Amino acid sequence: MADKSEMLTLTEVRGDLVLAALCIGQFRAPCQIEDDRLLVRAGAELLAALAALGLRVRTVAEPFTPAPLFAPVEARHGRRQVQHHGAHLHTDDEDEESDEAGGVSPASNA
């Protein structure tokens, strides 16, 4: 983390700050949040994305205190979990077996 007295070259972003924050978050760029602007350490790709969204950007030299990154605990420890979500398709034969076995019959909207 940078010393508060150290001046850094940053990008000041003004305009729709919610839209800007969502864009910056997609790039996972460090960002300082203020009432009327965001200060960000932006690469060329992020600058292009911000400009494409119609946000006003300019280069400034200021001290930088980025907001803490909010990440799941697994990500902070360098581990990632992959979750698999599968679907099971039911056939008409399975529905009949369920009805005969005392299962729940399909609901009717009638």
C-alpha atoms as a PDB file:
ATOM      1  CA  MET A   1       0.000   0.000   0.000  1.00  0.00           C
ATOM      2  CA  ALA A   2       1.278   3.442  -0.865  1.00  0.00           C
ATOM      3  CA  ASP A   3       2.327   5.953   1.779  1.00  0.00           C
ATOM      4  CA  LYS A   4      -0.372   8.622   2.145  1.00  0.00           C
ATOM      5  CA  SER A   5       2.163  11.378   1.508  1.00  0.00           C
ATOM      6  CA  GLU A   6       3.377   9.762  -1.736  1.00  0.00           C
ATOM      7  CA  MET A   7       2.020  11.358  -4.892  1.00  0.00           C
ATOM      8  CA  LEU A   8       0.897   8.911  -7.578  1.00  0.00           C
ATOM      9  CA  THR A   9      -0.236   9.407 -11.131  1.00  0.00           C
ATOM     10  CA  LEU A  10      -3.888   8.375 -11.125  1.00  0.00           C
ATOM     11  CA  THR A  11      -6.991   8.638 -13.264  1.00  0.00           C
ATOM     12  CA  GLU A  12      -9.834  10.765 -11.936  1.00  0.00           C
ATOM     13  CA  VAL A  13     -13.262   9.538 -13.048  1.00  0.00           C
ATOM     14  CA  ARG A  14     -16.382  11.721 -12.963  1.00  0.00           C
ATOM     15  CA  GLY A  15     -19.894  11.175 -14.237  1.00  0.00           C
ATOM     16  CA  ASP A  16     -22.111   8.200 -13.388  1.00  0.00           C
ATOM     17  CA  LEU A  17     -20.018   6.881 -10.486  1.00  0.00           C
ATOM     18  CA  VAL A  18     -22.079   3.718 -10.033  1.00  0.00           C
ATOM     19  CA  LEU A  19     -21.474   2.779 -13.653  1.00  0.00           C
ATOM     20  CA  ALA A  20     -17.807   3.731 -13.263  1.00  0.00           C
ATOM     21  CA  ALA A  21     -17.435   1.619 -10.102  1.00  0.00           C
ATOM     22  CA  LEU A  22     -18.995  -1.401 -11.807  1.00  0.00           C
ATOM     23  CA  CYS A  23     -16.604  -1.027 -14.729  1.00  0.00           C
ATOM     24  CA  ILE A  24     -13.574  -0.554 -12.476  1.00  0.00           C
ATOM     25  CA  GLY A  25     -14.619  -3.575 -10.413  1.00  0.00           C
ATOM     26  CA  GLN A  26     -14.670  -5.750 -13.531  1.00  0.00           C
ATOM     27  CA  PHE A  27     -11.017  -4.839 -14.054  1.00  0.00           C
ATOM     28  CA  ARG A  28     -10.230  -5.344 -10.355  1.00  0.00           C
ATOM     29  CA  ALA A  29      -8.337  -2.040 -10.305  1.00  0.00           C
ATOM     30  CA  PRO A  30      -7.509  -0.294  -7.009  1.00  0.00           C
ATOM     31  CA  CYS A  31      -9.932   2.598  -6.508  1.00  0.00           C
ATOM     32  CA  GLN A  32     -10.359   5.467  -4.062  1.00  0.00           C
ATOM     33  CA  ILE A  33     -14.035   6.355  -3.606  1.00  0.00           C
ATOM     34  CA  GLU A  34     -15.036   9.955  -2.961  1.00  0.00           C
ATOM     35  CA  ASP A  35     -18.386  11.786  -3.015  1.00  0.00           C
ATOM     36  CA  ASP A  36     -18.032  13.307  -6.475  1.00  0.00           C
ATOM     37  CA  ARG A  37     -15.302  11.244  -8.150  1.00  0.00           C
ATOM     38  CA  LEU A  38     -13.299   8.039  -8.196  1.00  0.00           C
ATOM     39  CA  LEU A  39      -9.511   7.861  -8.295  1.00  0.00           C
ATOM     40  CA  VAL A  40      -8.180   4.739  -9.935  1.00  0.00           C
ATOM     41  CA  ARG A  41      -4.929   3.180 -11.089  1.00  0.00           C
ATOM     42  CA  ALA A  42      -6.066   2.390 -14.604  1.00  0.00           C
ATOM     43  CA  GLY A  43      -4.396   0.550 -17.435  1.00  0.00           C
ATOM     44  CA  ALA A  44      -5.043   1.233 -21.111  1.00  0.00           C
ATOM     45  CA  GLU A  45      -7.894  -1.289 -21.342  1.00  0.00           C
ATOM     46  CA  LEU A  46      -9.734   0.203 -18.365  1.00  0.00           C
ATOM     47  CA  LEU A  47      -9.259   3.729 -19.690  1.00  0.00           C
ATOM     48  CA  ALA A  48     -10.756   2.655 -23.023  1.00  0.00           C
ATOM     49  CA  ALA A  49     -13.734   1.043 -21.263  1.00  0.00           C
ATOM     50  CA  LEU A  50     -14.386   4.137 -19.131  1.00  0.00           C
ATOM     51  CA  ALA A  51     -14.204   6.393 -22.188  1.00  0.00           C
ATOM     52  CA  ALA A  52     -16.560   4.066 -24.109  1.00  0.00           C
ATOM     53  CA  LEU A  53     -19.099   4.476 -21.292  1.00  0.00           C
ATOM     54  CA  GLY A  54     -18.981   8.255 -21.713  1.00  0.00           C
ATOM     55  CA  LEU A  55     -17.325   8.916 -18.358  1.00  0.00           C
ATOM     56  CA  ARG A  56     -15.068  11.934 -17.893  1.00  0.00           C
ATOM     57  CA  VAL A  57     -11.481  10.934 -17.136  1.00  0.00           C
ATOM     58  CA  ARG A  58      -8.315  12.955 -16.593  1.00  0.00           C
ATOM     59  CA  THR A  59      -4.838  12.278 -15.240  1.00  0.00           C
ATOM     60  CA  VAL A  60      -4.019  13.694 -11.788  1.00  0.00           C
ATOM     61  CA  ALA A  61      -1.103  13.423  -9.339  1.00  0.00           C
ATOM     62  CA  GLU A  62      -2.429  12.942  -5.801  1.00  0.00           C
ATOM     63  CA  PRO A  63      -2.009  10.796  -2.710  1.00  0.00           C
ATOM     64  CA  PHE A  64      -3.884   7.503  -3.042  1.00  0.00           C
ATOM     65  CA  THR A  65      -5.827   5.583  -0.407  1.00  0.00           C
ATOM     66  CA  PRO A  66      -7.736   2.841  -2.240  1.00  0.00           C
ATOM     67  CA  ALA A  67     -10.792   1.193  -0.748  1.00  0.00           C
ATOM     68  CA  PRO A  68     -10.169  -2.318   0.616  1.00  0.00           C
ATOM     69  CA  LEU A  69     -10.905  -5.094  -1.832  1.00  0.00           C
ATOM     70  CA  PHE A  70     -13.896  -7.190  -0.877  1.00  0.00           C
ATOM     71  CA  ALA A  71     -13.272 -10.781  -1.854  1.00  0.00           C
ATOM     72  CA  PRO A  72     -14.518 -14.144  -0.609  1.00  0.00           C
ATOM     73  CA  VAL A  73     -12.306 -15.731   2.036  1.00  0.00           C
ATOM     74  CA  GLU A  74     -11.235 -18.468  -0.411  1.00  0.00           C
ATOM     75  CA  ALA A  75      -9.933 -15.894  -2.879  1.00  0.00           C
ATOM     76  CA  ARG A  76      -7.928 -14.070  -0.214  1.00  0.00           C
ATOM     77  CA  HIS A  77      -6.116 -17.303   0.626  1.00  0.00           C
ATOM     78  CA  GLY A  78      -5.325 -18.112  -2.979  1.00  0.00           C
ATOM     79  CA  ARG A  79      -7.795 -20.991  -3.270  1.00  0.00           C
ATOM     80  CA  ARG A  80     -10.659 -21.138  -5.691  1.00  0.00           C
ATOM     81  CA  GLN A  81     -13.594 -23.481  -5.514  1.00  0.00           C
ATOM     82  CA  VAL A  82     -15.325 -24.696  -8.606  1.00  0.00           C
ATOM     83  CA  GLN A  83     -18.992 -25.438  -8.199  1.00  0.00           C
ATOM     84  CA  HIS A  84     -20.797 -27.706 -10.605  1.00  0.00           C
ATOM     85  CA  HIS A  85     -24.486 -27.194 -11.164  1.00  0.00           C
ATOM     86  CA  GLY A  86     -26.128 -30.014 -13.039  1.00  0.00           C
ATOM     87  CA  ALA A  87     -29.615 -30.476 -14.363  1.00  0.00           C
ATOM     88  CA  HIS A  88     -31.602 -33.685 -14.361  1.00  0.00           C
ATOM     89  CA  LEU A  89     -34.243 -34.008 -17.034  1.00  0.00           C
ATOM     90  CA  HIS A  90     -37.354 -35.918 -16.023  1.00  0.00           C
ATOM     91  CA  THR A  91     -39.018 -38.215 -18.511  1.00  0.00           C
ATOM     92  CA  ASP A  92     -42.696 -39.139 -18.681  1.00  0.00           C
ATOM     93  CA  ASP A  93     -41.803 -42.654 -17.449  1.00  0.00           C
ATOM     94  CA  GLU A  94     -40.246 -41.219 -14.282  1.00  0.00           C
ATOM     95  CA  ASP A  95     -43.360 -39.109 -13.629  1.00  0.00           C
ATOM     96  CA  GLU A  96     -45.628 -42.181 -13.908  1.00  0.00           C
ATOM     97  CA  GLU A  97     -43.389 -44.182 -11.536  1.00  0.00           C
ATOM     98  CA  SER A  98     -43.473 -41.303  -9.047  1.00  0.00           C
ATOM     99  CA  ASP A  99     -47.309 -41.174  -9.198  1.00  0.00           C
ATOM    100  CA  GLU A 100     -47.614 -44.946  -8.658  1.00  0.00           C
ATOM    101  CA  ALA A 101     -45.238 -44.838  -5.706  1.00  0.00           C
ATOM    102  CA  GLY A 102     -47.304 -42.179  -3.955  1.00  0.00           C
ATOM    103  CA  GLY A 103     -45.117 -39.293  -5.111  1.00  0.00           C
ATOM    104  CA  VAL A 104     -46.255 -35.788  -5.763  1.00  0.00           C
ATOM    105  CA  SER A 105     -48.129 -35.305  -9.001  1.00  0.00           C
ATOM    106  CA  PRO A 106     -47.419 -32.311 -11.201  1.00  0.00           C
ATOM    107  CA  ALA A 107     -49.242 -29.145 -10.201  1.00  0.00           C
ATOM    108  CA  SER A 108     -52.009 -27.839 -12.386  1.00  0.00           C
ATOM    109  CA  ASN A 109     -52.624 -24.243 -13.301  1.00  0.00           C
ATOM    110  CA  ALA A 110     -56.245 -24.975 -14.205  1.00  0.00           C
END
